[in-house]
Amino acid sequence: MPGLLGKKLGMSRIFGEDGNVIPVTAIEVGPCKVLEVRTTEKNGYNALQLGFGLKKKNISKPVQGQYKKLNTEPAKVVREFRQDEVSEFKTGDVFTAEYFKEGEKIKVRGVSKGKGFQGVMRRHGFGGVGGTTHGQSDRLRAPGSIGSSSYPSRVFKGQRMAGRMGNDNITIANLRVVKVLADKNIVLVKGAVPGAVNSIVELLKK
């Protein structure tokens, strides 16, 4: 099993055994139910289709029929996880936060916060044109020159400029599981993870 789905609850801090403060992100992990087992013979690849949460409204008739065939309730979030060997799993298996162990390293994948259209200072950390000297009263946050003049007389592809910022798929590796609260299905991970509060994240074993 490569990973599970979870919901980011927010950040906090706890004290370690040595008394040092550890910044942690609380993630509600599971329960994740196996909705379908994909096999090479039937689907061309091996994978597990996991469902997280319950979808209570706006469920189309075809989707209702699909879940009725699987004999389970509609899931709010459905993701597939590739798996080399799937023979040991079956539809209906449930995984919780106990899947992770304290002290192990994991990867967390999520969608970063969208910040809309931003200028070069915020998006790329530019310093601006250089203050209000020489009459540049309206150029404080401008990008400055963007290319050569006579040659090659064009702007190179990939030039850092203003544009849409955030809302990207981000994976953070080597995050340590500090604590597992099995009774609440919560995993405390050291450090920050991508995404806003209540956003869906994937917790992947290395």
N, C-alpha and C. Protein backbone atom coordinates (compact mmCIF):
# COMPACT_ATOMS: atom_id res chain seq x y z
N MET A 1 0.84 -1.20 0.00
CA MET A 1 0.00 0.00 0.00
C MET A 1 0.88 1.25 0.00
N PRO A 2 0.86 2.04 -1.07
CA PRO A 2 1.80 3.16 -1.16
C PRO A 2 1.42 4.38 -0.35
N GLY A 3 0.15 4.61 -0.10
CA GLY A 3 -0.22 5.81 0.63
C GLY A 3 -1.69 5.88 0.93
N LEU A 4 -2.09 6.95 1.64
CA LEU A 4 -3.48 7.17 2.02
C LEU A 4 -3.88 8.61 1.75
N LEU A 5 -5.18 8.86 1.81
CA LEU A 5 -5.72 10.21 1.66
C LEU A 5 -6.01 10.80 3.03
N GLY A 6 -5.90 12.11 3.12
CA GLY A 6 -6.16 12.79 4.38
C GLY A 6 -6.62 14.21 4.17
N LYS A 7 -7.05 14.84 5.25
CA LYS A 7 -7.50 16.23 5.22
C LYS A 7 -6.63 17.06 6.16
N LYS A 8 -6.06 18.12 5.64
CA LYS A 8 -5.21 19.00 6.45
C LYS A 8 -6.08 19.78 7.43
N LEU A 9 -5.80 19.63 8.72
CA LEU A 9 -6.58 20.31 9.75
C LEU A 9 -5.96 21.63 10.19
N GLY A 10 -4.66 21.78 10.02
CA GLY A 10 -3.99 23.01 10.43
C GLY A 10 -2.67 22.72 11.10
N MET A 11 -2.01 23.78 11.56
CA MET A 11 -0.70 23.64 12.19
C MET A 11 -0.78 23.91 13.68
N SER A 12 0.13 23.30 14.42
CA SER A 12 0.23 23.50 15.86
C SER A 12 1.68 23.23 16.26
N ARG A 13 1.89 23.01 17.53
CA ARG A 13 3.24 22.65 17.99
C ARG A 13 3.11 21.77 19.21
N ILE A 14 4.07 20.88 19.37
CA ILE A 14 4.13 20.01 20.53
C ILE A 14 5.55 20.05 21.08
N PHE A 15 5.72 19.52 22.27
CA PHE A 15 7.04 19.48 22.89
C PHE A 15 7.59 18.07 22.80
N GLY A 16 8.84 17.97 22.36
CA GLY A 16 9.51 16.69 22.27
C GLY A 16 9.99 16.21 23.62
N GLU A 17 10.57 15.01 23.65
CA GLU A 17 11.05 14.45 24.90
C GLU A 17 12.18 15.27 25.50
N ASP A 18 12.93 15.99 24.63
CA ASP A 18 14.02 16.82 25.11
C ASP A 18 13.57 18.22 25.50
N GLY A 19 12.27 18.48 25.38
CA GLY A 19 11.74 19.78 25.76
C GLY A 19 11.70 20.79 24.65
N ASN A 20 12.24 20.45 23.47
CA ASN A 20 12.23 21.39 22.35
C ASN A 20 10.86 21.43 21.68
N VAL A 21 10.53 22.60 21.15
CA VAL A 21 9.25 22.78 20.46
C VAL A 21 9.36 22.20 19.04
N ILE A 22 8.35 21.42 18.64
CA ILE A 22 8.32 20.83 17.31
C ILE A 22 7.10 21.36 16.57
N PRO A 23 7.28 22.11 15.48
CA PRO A 23 6.12 22.56 14.69
C PRO A 23 5.53 21.39 13.92
N VAL A 24 4.23 21.19 14.01
CA VAL A 24 3.60 20.04 13.37
C VAL A 24 2.36 20.47 12.59
N THR A 25 2.03 19.66 11.60
CA THR A 25 0.78 19.81 10.85
C THR A 25 -0.10 18.62 11.18
N ALA A 26 -1.33 18.91 11.60
CA ALA A 26 -2.29 17.85 11.93
C ALA A 26 -3.06 17.46 10.67
N ILE A 27 -3.05 16.17 10.35
CA ILE A 27 -3.73 15.66 9.17
C ILE A 27 -4.67 14.53 9.60
N GLU A 28 -5.93 14.67 9.24
CA GLU A 28 -6.90 13.60 9.49
C GLU A 28 -6.76 12.55 8.39
N VAL A 29 -6.24 11.40 8.74
CA VAL A 29 -5.92 10.36 7.76
C VAL A 29 -6.98 9.27 7.81
N GLY A 30 -7.72 9.15 6.73
CA GLY A 30 -8.71 8.09 6.65
C GLY A 30 -9.92 8.35 7.54
N PRO A 31 -10.76 7.33 7.72
CA PRO A 31 -10.58 5.99 7.15
C PRO A 31 -10.74 5.99 5.63
N CYS A 32 -9.80 5.29 4.97
CA CYS A 32 -9.82 5.16 3.51
C CYS A 32 -10.26 3.74 3.16
N LYS A 33 -11.29 3.67 2.33
CA LYS A 33 -11.82 2.36 1.94
C LYS A 33 -11.39 2.02 0.52
N VAL A 34 -11.01 0.77 0.32
CA VAL A 34 -10.67 0.29 -1.02
C VAL A 34 -11.97 0.11 -1.80
N LEU A 35 -12.15 0.95 -2.83
CA LEU A 35 -13.37 0.89 -3.63
C LEU A 35 -13.25 -0.13 -4.75
N GLU A 36 -12.05 -0.23 -5.31
CA GLU A 36 -11.85 -1.17 -6.42
C GLU A 36 -10.38 -1.54 -6.51
N VAL A 37 -10.14 -2.77 -6.88
CA VAL A 37 -8.77 -3.27 -7.07
C VAL A 37 -8.53 -3.40 -8.57
N ARG A 38 -7.63 -2.59 -9.10
CA ARG A 38 -7.29 -2.63 -10.52
C ARG A 38 -6.18 -3.66 -10.74
N THR A 39 -6.36 -4.51 -11.72
CA THR A 39 -5.37 -5.55 -12.00
C THR A 39 -4.90 -5.45 -13.45
N THR A 40 -3.72 -6.03 -13.69
CA THR A 40 -3.15 -6.02 -15.03
C THR A 40 -4.02 -6.79 -16.01
N GLU A 41 -4.60 -7.90 -15.56
CA GLU A 41 -5.42 -8.73 -16.44
C GLU A 41 -6.69 -8.00 -16.89
N LYS A 42 -7.28 -7.24 -15.98
CA LYS A 42 -8.57 -6.60 -16.27
C LYS A 42 -8.41 -5.17 -16.77
N ASN A 43 -7.48 -4.41 -16.18
CA ASN A 43 -7.36 -2.98 -16.47
C ASN A 43 -6.05 -2.58 -17.14
N GLY A 44 -5.09 -3.50 -17.20
CA GLY A 44 -3.82 -3.18 -17.84
C GLY A 44 -2.76 -2.66 -16.89
N TYR A 45 -3.11 -2.47 -15.63
CA TYR A 45 -2.15 -2.01 -14.63
C TYR A 45 -2.66 -2.38 -13.25
N ASN A 46 -1.75 -2.40 -12.27
CA ASN A 46 -2.12 -2.70 -10.89
C ASN A 46 -2.26 -1.41 -10.09
N ALA A 47 -3.38 -1.26 -9.41
CA ALA A 47 -3.60 -0.06 -8.59
C ALA A 47 -4.75 -0.32 -7.63
N LEU A 48 -4.80 0.52 -6.61
CA LEU A 48 -5.89 0.48 -5.65
C LEU A 48 -6.65 1.80 -5.74
N GLN A 49 -7.95 1.72 -5.86
CA GLN A 49 -8.79 2.91 -5.88
C GLN A 49 -9.34 3.12 -4.48
N LEU A 50 -8.91 4.23 -3.85
CA LEU A 50 -9.30 4.53 -2.48
C LEU A 50 -10.33 5.65 -2.42
N GLY A 51 -11.25 5.53 -1.49
CA GLY A 51 -12.24 6.57 -1.25
C GLY A 51 -12.08 7.14 0.15
N PHE A 52 -12.29 8.47 0.26
CA PHE A 52 -12.13 9.16 1.54
C PHE A 52 -13.33 10.08 1.76
N GLY A 53 -13.97 9.98 2.91
CA GLY A 53 -15.13 10.80 3.22
C GLY A 53 -16.39 10.26 2.55
N LEU A 54 -17.53 10.89 2.87
CA LEU A 54 -18.81 10.48 2.33
C LEU A 54 -19.42 11.63 1.52
N LYS A 55 -19.90 11.31 0.34
CA LYS A 55 -20.59 12.29 -0.49
C LYS A 55 -22.09 12.09 -0.27
N LYS A 56 -22.78 13.14 0.21
CA LYS A 56 -24.17 13.00 0.63
C LYS A 56 -25.17 13.59 -0.36
N LYS A 57 -24.72 14.43 -1.32
CA LYS A 57 -25.67 15.03 -2.25
C LYS A 57 -25.01 15.23 -3.61
N ASN A 58 -25.84 15.59 -4.60
CA ASN A 58 -25.39 15.81 -5.97
C ASN A 58 -24.67 14.58 -6.54
N ILE A 59 -25.28 13.42 -6.35
CA ILE A 59 -24.71 12.18 -6.85
C ILE A 59 -25.52 11.74 -8.06
N SER A 60 -24.88 11.63 -9.20
CA SER A 60 -25.58 11.27 -10.43
C SER A 60 -26.01 9.80 -10.39
N LYS A 61 -26.99 9.48 -11.23
CA LYS A 61 -27.51 8.11 -11.27
C LYS A 61 -26.43 7.10 -11.68
N PRO A 62 -25.60 7.40 -12.68
CA PRO A 62 -24.54 6.43 -13.02
C PRO A 62 -23.58 6.17 -11.87
N VAL A 63 -23.24 7.23 -11.13
CA VAL A 63 -22.33 7.05 -9.99
C VAL A 63 -23.02 6.25 -8.89
N GLN A 64 -24.31 6.51 -8.68
CA GLN A 64 -25.04 5.73 -7.68
C GLN A 64 -25.04 4.25 -8.05
N GLY A 65 -25.23 3.95 -9.34
CA GLY A 65 -25.21 2.56 -9.78
C GLY A 65 -23.84 1.92 -9.61
N GLN A 66 -22.80 2.73 -9.82
CA GLN A 66 -21.44 2.21 -9.66
C GLN A 66 -21.19 1.80 -8.22
N TYR A 67 -21.58 2.67 -7.27
CA TYR A 67 -21.35 2.36 -5.86
C TYR A 67 -22.29 1.26 -5.36
N LYS A 68 -23.47 1.17 -5.96
CA LYS A 68 -24.38 0.09 -5.59
C LYS A 68 -23.80 -1.26 -5.99
N LYS A 69 -23.14 -1.26 -7.16
CA LYS A 69 -22.48 -2.49 -7.62
C LYS A 69 -21.33 -2.86 -6.70
N LEU A 70 -20.63 -1.84 -6.17
CA LEU A 70 -19.52 -2.09 -5.25
C LEU A 70 -20.00 -2.35 -3.82
N ASN A 71 -21.32 -2.16 -3.60
CA ASN A 71 -21.92 -2.38 -2.28
C ASN A 71 -21.26 -1.50 -1.20
N THR A 72 -21.10 -0.21 -1.54
CA THR A 72 -20.53 0.73 -0.57
C THR A 72 -21.13 2.11 -0.80
N GLU A 73 -20.90 3.02 0.14
CA GLU A 73 -21.45 4.37 0.04
C GLU A 73 -20.56 5.25 -0.83
N PRO A 74 -21.14 6.25 -1.52
CA PRO A 74 -20.34 7.14 -2.38
C PRO A 74 -19.28 7.90 -1.59
N ALA A 75 -18.07 7.93 -2.11
CA ALA A 75 -16.95 8.61 -1.45
C ALA A 75 -16.85 10.04 -1.95
N LYS A 76 -16.45 10.94 -1.06
CA LYS A 76 -16.31 12.34 -1.42
C LYS A 76 -15.08 12.57 -2.30
N VAL A 77 -13.98 11.86 -1.98
CA VAL A 77 -12.75 11.98 -2.75
C VAL A 77 -12.31 10.58 -3.15
N VAL A 78 -11.97 10.41 -4.44
CA VAL A 78 -11.52 9.12 -4.96
C VAL A 78 -10.18 9.32 -5.65
N ARG A 79 -9.18 8.54 -5.27
CA ARG A 79 -7.86 8.59 -5.90
C ARG A 79 -7.35 7.17 -6.11
N GLU A 80 -6.48 7.04 -7.10
CA GLU A 80 -5.85 5.76 -7.37
C GLU A 80 -4.39 5.79 -6.96
N PHE A 81 -3.94 4.71 -6.38
CA PHE A 81 -2.55 4.56 -5.98
C PHE A 81 -1.99 3.32 -6.68
N ARG A 82 -0.94 3.53 -7.46
CA ARG A 82 -0.31 2.39 -8.14
C ARG A 82 0.34 1.46 -7.12
N GLN A 83 0.24 0.18 -7.38
CA GLN A 83 0.75 -0.84 -6.46
C GLN A 83 1.27 -2.00 -7.28
N ASP A 84 2.48 -2.48 -6.96
CA ASP A 84 3.05 -3.59 -7.71
C ASP A 84 2.26 -4.88 -7.52
N GLU A 85 1.86 -5.14 -6.29
CA GLU A 85 1.14 -6.37 -5.98
C GLU A 85 -0.17 -6.03 -5.28
N VAL A 86 -1.29 -6.47 -5.84
CA VAL A 86 -2.60 -6.12 -5.27
C VAL A 86 -3.41 -7.35 -4.85
N SER A 87 -2.80 -8.52 -4.93
CA SER A 87 -3.54 -9.74 -4.62
C SER A 87 -3.96 -9.82 -3.16
N GLU A 88 -3.23 -9.14 -2.27
CA GLU A 88 -3.55 -9.21 -0.84
C GLU A 88 -4.66 -8.26 -0.44
N PHE A 89 -5.13 -7.41 -1.35
CA PHE A 89 -6.18 -6.45 -1.03
C PHE A 89 -7.48 -6.86 -1.69
N LYS A 90 -8.58 -6.40 -1.10
CA LYS A 90 -9.91 -6.67 -1.66
C LYS A 90 -10.82 -5.47 -1.42
N THR A 91 -11.87 -5.38 -2.20
CA THR A 91 -12.81 -4.28 -2.06
C THR A 91 -13.44 -4.29 -0.67
N GLY A 92 -13.46 -3.13 -0.03
CA GLY A 92 -14.02 -3.02 1.31
C GLY A 92 -12.98 -2.91 2.40
N ASP A 93 -11.72 -3.19 2.09
CA ASP A 93 -10.66 -3.03 3.09
C ASP A 93 -10.57 -1.57 3.53
N VAL A 94 -10.35 -1.36 4.81
CA VAL A 94 -10.31 0.00 5.38
C VAL A 94 -8.95 0.23 6.01
N PHE A 95 -8.36 1.39 5.71
CA PHE A 95 -7.06 1.78 6.27
C PHE A 95 -7.24 3.08 7.07
N THR A 96 -6.57 3.14 8.22
CA THR A 96 -6.68 4.31 9.09
C THR A 96 -5.29 4.88 9.37
N ALA A 97 -5.24 5.82 10.31
CA ALA A 97 -3.97 6.48 10.64
C ALA A 97 -2.93 5.51 11.17
N GLU A 98 -3.35 4.36 11.66
CA GLU A 98 -2.41 3.38 12.21
C GLU A 98 -1.53 2.77 11.13
N TYR A 99 -1.84 3.06 9.88
CA TYR A 99 -1.00 2.61 8.77
C TYR A 99 0.40 3.21 8.85
N PHE A 100 0.51 4.40 9.47
CA PHE A 100 1.79 5.07 9.62
C PHE A 100 2.33 4.87 11.03
N LYS A 101 3.65 4.82 11.13
CA LYS A 101 4.32 4.61 12.41
C LYS A 101 5.10 5.86 12.81
N GLU A 102 5.15 6.10 14.09
CA GLU A 102 5.87 7.28 14.60
C GLU A 102 7.36 7.16 14.28
N GLY A 103 7.93 8.24 13.77
CA GLY A 103 9.35 8.27 13.46
C GLY A 103 9.69 7.99 12.00
N GLU A 104 8.76 7.44 11.23
CA GLU A 104 9.07 7.13 9.83
C GLU A 104 8.96 8.38 8.96
N LYS A 105 9.66 8.36 7.83
CA LYS A 105 9.67 9.47 6.89
C LYS A 105 8.64 9.20 5.78
N ILE A 106 7.86 10.23 5.44
CA ILE A 106 6.85 10.11 4.40
C ILE A 106 6.92 11.31 3.46
N LYS A 107 6.18 11.22 2.35
CA LYS A 107 6.01 12.34 1.43
C LYS A 107 4.55 12.78 1.49
N VAL A 108 4.33 14.08 1.42
CA VAL A 108 2.97 14.62 1.44
C VAL A 108 2.77 15.44 0.17
N ARG A 109 1.71 15.11 -0.56
CA ARG A 109 1.40 15.80 -1.81
C ARG A 109 0.08 16.53 -1.69
N GLY A 110 0.07 17.79 -2.13
CA GLY A 110 -1.15 18.58 -2.08
C GLY A 110 -1.10 19.69 -3.10
N VAL A 111 -2.17 20.48 -3.13
CA VAL A 111 -2.27 21.62 -4.04
C VAL A 111 -2.04 22.89 -3.23
N SER A 112 -1.04 23.66 -3.63
CA SER A 112 -0.69 24.87 -2.87
C SER A 112 -1.79 25.92 -2.99
N LYS A 113 -1.77 26.86 -2.07
CA LYS A 113 -2.77 27.93 -2.07
C LYS A 113 -2.66 28.78 -3.33
N GLY A 114 -3.78 29.04 -3.98
CA GLY A 114 -3.78 29.90 -5.14
C GLY A 114 -3.71 31.36 -4.73
N LYS A 115 -2.84 32.13 -5.36
CA LYS A 115 -2.66 33.54 -5.02
C LYS A 115 -3.03 34.48 -6.17
N GLY A 116 -3.59 33.92 -7.25
CA GLY A 116 -4.02 34.76 -8.35
C GLY A 116 -2.87 35.32 -9.17
N PHE A 117 -3.13 36.40 -9.90
CA PHE A 117 -2.13 37.04 -10.75
C PHE A 117 -1.26 37.94 -9.88
N GLN A 118 0.05 37.67 -9.84
CA GLN A 118 0.96 38.42 -8.98
C GLN A 118 2.10 39.01 -9.80
N GLY A 119 2.67 40.08 -9.27
CA GLY A 119 3.80 40.73 -9.92
C GLY A 119 5.11 40.01 -9.65
N VAL A 120 6.19 40.54 -10.25
CA VAL A 120 7.48 39.85 -10.16
C VAL A 120 8.07 39.90 -8.77
N MET A 121 7.75 40.92 -7.98
CA MET A 121 8.35 41.02 -6.65
C MET A 121 7.83 39.92 -5.73
N ARG A 122 6.54 39.66 -5.80
CA ARG A 122 5.99 38.61 -4.95
C ARG A 122 6.21 37.23 -5.56
N ARG A 123 6.08 37.13 -6.88
CA ARG A 123 6.17 35.83 -7.52
C ARG A 123 7.59 35.30 -7.58
N HIS A 124 8.58 36.17 -7.82
CA HIS A 124 9.96 35.73 -8.02
C HIS A 124 10.95 36.38 -7.07
N GLY A 125 10.49 37.28 -6.21
CA GLY A 125 11.40 37.90 -5.26
C GLY A 125 12.26 39.00 -5.84
N PHE A 126 11.81 39.63 -6.93
CA PHE A 126 12.56 40.74 -7.50
C PHE A 126 12.63 41.90 -6.50
N GLY A 127 13.65 42.75 -6.66
CA GLY A 127 13.82 43.87 -5.75
C GLY A 127 13.24 45.18 -6.25
N GLY A 128 12.60 45.16 -7.42
CA GLY A 128 12.09 46.40 -7.97
C GLY A 128 13.17 47.11 -8.79
N VAL A 129 12.80 48.21 -9.43
CA VAL A 129 13.73 48.91 -10.31
C VAL A 129 14.81 49.65 -9.53
N GLY A 130 14.52 50.08 -8.32
CA GLY A 130 15.60 50.70 -7.55
C GLY A 130 15.24 52.01 -6.88
N GLY A 131 14.09 52.06 -6.24
CA GLY A 131 13.72 53.26 -5.49
C GLY A 131 13.20 54.38 -6.38
N THR A 132 13.13 55.56 -5.80
CA THR A 132 12.55 56.71 -6.52
C THR A 132 13.62 57.63 -7.08
N THR A 133 14.84 57.13 -7.24
CA THR A 133 15.91 57.97 -7.78
C THR A 133 15.72 58.22 -9.27
N HIS A 134 16.27 59.28 -9.76
CA HIS A 134 16.24 59.64 -11.18
C HIS A 134 14.82 59.75 -11.73
N GLY A 135 13.93 60.20 -10.89
CA GLY A 135 12.58 60.46 -11.37
C GLY A 135 11.71 59.24 -11.56
N GLN A 136 12.10 58.07 -11.03
CA GLN A 136 11.29 56.85 -11.22
C GLN A 136 10.26 56.74 -10.10
N SER A 137 9.31 57.65 -10.11
CA SER A 137 8.34 57.68 -9.02
C SER A 137 7.28 56.60 -9.15
N ASP A 138 7.10 56.03 -10.35
CA ASP A 138 6.05 55.04 -10.55
C ASP A 138 6.62 53.69 -10.99
N ARG A 139 7.88 53.42 -10.67
CA ARG A 139 8.53 52.20 -11.15
C ARG A 139 9.03 51.32 -10.01
N LEU A 140 8.47 51.49 -8.82
CA LEU A 140 9.02 50.82 -7.64
C LEU A 140 8.94 49.30 -7.74
N ARG A 141 7.85 48.78 -8.28
CA ARG A 141 7.65 47.33 -8.32
C ARG A 141 7.70 46.78 -9.75
N ALA A 142 8.29 47.53 -10.66
CA ALA A 142 8.37 47.10 -12.06
C ALA A 142 9.45 46.03 -12.25
N PRO A 143 9.35 45.19 -13.29
CA PRO A 143 10.33 44.13 -13.50
C PRO A 143 11.64 44.61 -14.10
N GLY A 144 11.64 45.77 -14.77
CA GLY A 144 12.86 46.22 -15.43
C GLY A 144 12.98 45.64 -16.82
N SER A 145 14.20 45.64 -17.37
CA SER A 145 14.42 45.16 -18.73
C SER A 145 14.13 43.67 -18.83
N ILE A 146 13.53 43.24 -19.95
CA ILE A 146 13.17 41.83 -20.10
C ILE A 146 13.91 41.16 -21.25
N GLY A 147 14.80 41.86 -21.95
CA GLY A 147 15.50 41.19 -23.03
C GLY A 147 16.51 42.10 -23.71
N SER A 148 17.25 41.56 -24.64
CA SER A 148 18.24 42.32 -25.39
C SER A 148 17.56 43.16 -26.46
N SER A 149 18.32 44.09 -27.04
CA SER A 149 17.73 44.99 -28.04
C SER A 149 17.96 44.49 -29.46
N SER A 150 19.15 44.73 -30.03
CA SER A 150 19.36 44.39 -31.42
C SER A 150 19.47 42.89 -31.66
N TYR A 151 20.05 42.17 -30.71
CA TYR A 151 20.17 40.72 -30.86
C TYR A 151 19.92 40.07 -29.51
N PRO A 152 19.04 39.08 -29.40
CA PRO A 152 18.30 38.43 -30.49
C PRO A 152 16.96 39.08 -30.80
N SER A 153 16.72 40.26 -30.26
CA SER A 153 15.50 41.03 -30.56
C SER A 153 14.23 40.27 -30.19
N ARG A 154 14.30 39.53 -29.13
CA ARG A 154 13.11 38.83 -28.64
C ARG A 154 13.30 38.50 -27.17
N VAL A 155 12.24 38.11 -26.53
CA VAL A 155 12.28 37.70 -25.13
C VAL A 155 12.37 36.18 -25.08
N PHE A 156 13.36 35.65 -24.37
CA PHE A 156 13.55 34.21 -24.29
C PHE A 156 12.40 33.54 -23.55
N LYS A 157 12.08 32.34 -23.97
CA LYS A 157 11.05 31.55 -23.31
C LYS A 157 11.48 31.21 -21.89
N GLY A 158 10.57 31.34 -20.95
CA GLY A 158 10.88 31.06 -19.56
C GLY A 158 11.31 32.28 -18.77
N GLN A 159 11.30 33.46 -19.39
CA GLN A 159 11.66 34.70 -18.70
C GLN A 159 10.74 34.90 -17.50
N ARG A 160 11.30 35.19 -16.35
CA ARG A 160 10.50 35.38 -15.15
C ARG A 160 9.74 36.71 -15.22
N MET A 161 8.44 36.59 -15.24
CA MET A 161 7.59 37.77 -15.36
C MET A 161 6.37 37.58 -14.45
N ALA A 162 5.49 38.58 -14.46
CA ALA A 162 4.27 38.49 -13.66
C ALA A 162 3.37 37.40 -14.24
N GLY A 163 2.53 36.82 -13.39
CA GLY A 163 1.62 35.78 -13.86
C GLY A 163 0.92 35.08 -12.71
N ARG A 164 0.22 34.01 -13.03
CA ARG A 164 -0.53 33.27 -12.02
C ARG A 164 0.43 32.60 -11.04
N MET A 165 0.09 32.67 -9.78
CA MET A 165 0.97 32.14 -8.74
C MET A 165 0.18 31.19 -7.83
N GLY A 166 0.79 30.08 -7.48
CA GLY A 166 0.15 29.12 -6.59
C GLY A 166 -0.76 28.16 -7.34
N ASN A 167 -1.57 27.40 -6.56
CA ASN A 167 -2.50 26.42 -7.12
C ASN A 167 -1.76 25.37 -7.96
N ASP A 168 -0.59 24.94 -7.47
CA ASP A 168 0.22 23.94 -8.15
C ASP A 168 0.31 22.67 -7.31
N ASN A 169 0.52 21.54 -7.96
CA ASN A 169 0.75 20.28 -7.25
C ASN A 169 2.15 20.31 -6.64
N ILE A 170 2.22 20.18 -5.33
CA ILE A 170 3.49 20.25 -4.60
C ILE A 170 3.66 18.97 -3.78
N THR A 171 4.86 18.41 -3.84
CA THR A 171 5.18 17.24 -3.02
C THR A 171 6.35 17.57 -2.11
N ILE A 172 6.14 17.41 -0.81
CA ILE A 172 7.19 17.64 0.18
C ILE A 172 7.69 16.29 0.67
N ALA A 173 8.99 16.04 0.52
CA ALA A 173 9.56 14.74 0.90
C ALA A 173 10.25 14.83 2.26
N ASN A 174 10.52 13.67 2.83
CA ASN A 174 11.28 13.53 4.08
C ASN A 174 10.62 14.24 5.26
N LEU A 175 9.30 14.17 5.34
CA LEU A 175 8.59 14.70 6.51
C LEU A 175 8.44 13.58 7.54
N ARG A 176 8.78 13.88 8.77
CA ARG A 176 8.78 12.85 9.82
C ARG A 176 7.44 12.81 10.54
N VAL A 177 6.93 11.60 10.73
CA VAL A 177 5.71 11.41 11.51
C VAL A 177 6.07 11.51 12.99
N VAL A 178 5.61 12.57 13.63
CA VAL A 178 5.96 12.81 15.03
C VAL A 178 5.06 12.02 15.97
N LYS A 179 3.77 11.99 15.68
CA LYS A 179 2.83 11.32 16.57
C LYS A 179 1.63 10.81 15.78
N VAL A 180 1.11 9.67 16.18
CA VAL A 180 -0.08 9.09 15.57
C VAL A 180 -1.16 8.99 16.64
N LEU A 181 -2.26 9.74 16.47
CA LEU A 181 -3.39 9.69 17.39
C LEU A 181 -4.42 8.74 16.80
N ALA A 182 -4.27 7.45 17.09
CA ALA A 182 -5.08 6.42 16.43
C ALA A 182 -6.55 6.57 16.76
N ASP A 183 -6.89 6.98 17.98
CA ASP A 183 -8.30 7.09 18.37
C ASP A 183 -9.03 8.19 17.62
N LYS A 184 -8.27 9.20 17.13
CA LYS A 184 -8.88 10.32 16.40
C LYS A 184 -8.54 10.28 14.90
N ASN A 185 -7.80 9.26 14.48
CA ASN A 185 -7.37 9.15 13.08
C ASN A 185 -6.59 10.38 12.63
N ILE A 186 -5.71 10.87 13.48
CA ILE A 186 -4.92 12.07 13.18
C ILE A 186 -3.43 11.72 13.22
N VAL A 187 -2.71 12.21 12.22
CA VAL A 187 -1.26 12.06 12.16
C VAL A 187 -0.63 13.44 12.27
N LEU A 188 0.34 13.58 13.16
CA LEU A 188 1.07 14.83 13.32
C LEU A 188 2.39 14.70 12.58
N VAL A 189 2.57 15.56 11.57
CA VAL A 189 3.77 15.53 10.74
C VAL A 189 4.60 16.77 11.03
N LYS A 190 5.92 16.59 11.19
CA LYS A 190 6.79 17.72 11.49
C LYS A 190 6.89 18.64 10.28
N GLY A 191 6.68 19.94 10.51
CA GLY A 191 6.81 20.92 9.44
C GLY A 191 5.49 21.22 8.75
N ALA A 192 5.57 22.01 7.69
CA ALA A 192 4.40 22.44 6.94
C ALA A 192 4.17 21.55 5.73
N VAL A 193 2.92 21.42 5.34
CA VAL A 193 2.55 20.67 4.13
C VAL A 193 1.76 21.60 3.22
N PRO A 194 1.78 21.37 1.91
CA PRO A 194 1.10 22.27 0.98
C PRO A 194 -0.41 22.21 1.13
N GLY A 195 -1.07 23.33 0.80
CA GLY A 195 -2.52 23.37 0.79
C GLY A 195 -3.11 24.20 1.91
N ALA A 196 -4.36 24.57 1.73
CA ALA A 196 -5.08 25.33 2.74
C ALA A 196 -5.69 24.39 3.77
N VAL A 197 -6.22 24.95 4.84
CA VAL A 197 -6.90 24.15 5.86
C VAL A 197 -8.12 23.48 5.22
N ASN A 198 -8.35 22.23 5.56
CA ASN A 198 -9.45 21.40 5.06
C ASN A 198 -9.23 20.92 3.62
N SER A 199 -8.05 21.15 3.05
CA SER A 199 -7.76 20.64 1.71
C SER A 199 -7.33 19.18 1.78
N ILE A 200 -7.50 18.47 0.68
CA ILE A 200 -7.16 17.06 0.61
C ILE A 200 -5.69 16.89 0.25
N VAL A 201 -5.00 16.03 0.99
CA VAL A 201 -3.59 15.75 0.72
C VAL A 201 -3.40 14.23 0.62
N GLU A 202 -2.30 13.85 -0.03
CA GLU A 202 -1.94 12.43 -0.14
C GLU A 202 -0.70 12.20 0.69
N LEU A 203 -0.74 11.21 1.56
CA LEU A 203 0.40 10.81 2.38
C LEU A 203 0.99 9.55 1.77
N LEU A 204 2.23 9.67 1.31
CA LEU A 204 2.85 8.59 0.57
C LEU A 204 4.05 8.04 1.33
N LYS A 205 4.14 6.73 1.39
CA LYS A 205 5.32 6.11 1.99
C LYS A 205 6.46 6.18 0.99
N LYS A 206 7.68 6.39 1.50
CA LYS A 206 8.84 6.53 0.61
C LYS A 206 9.18 5.20 -0.07
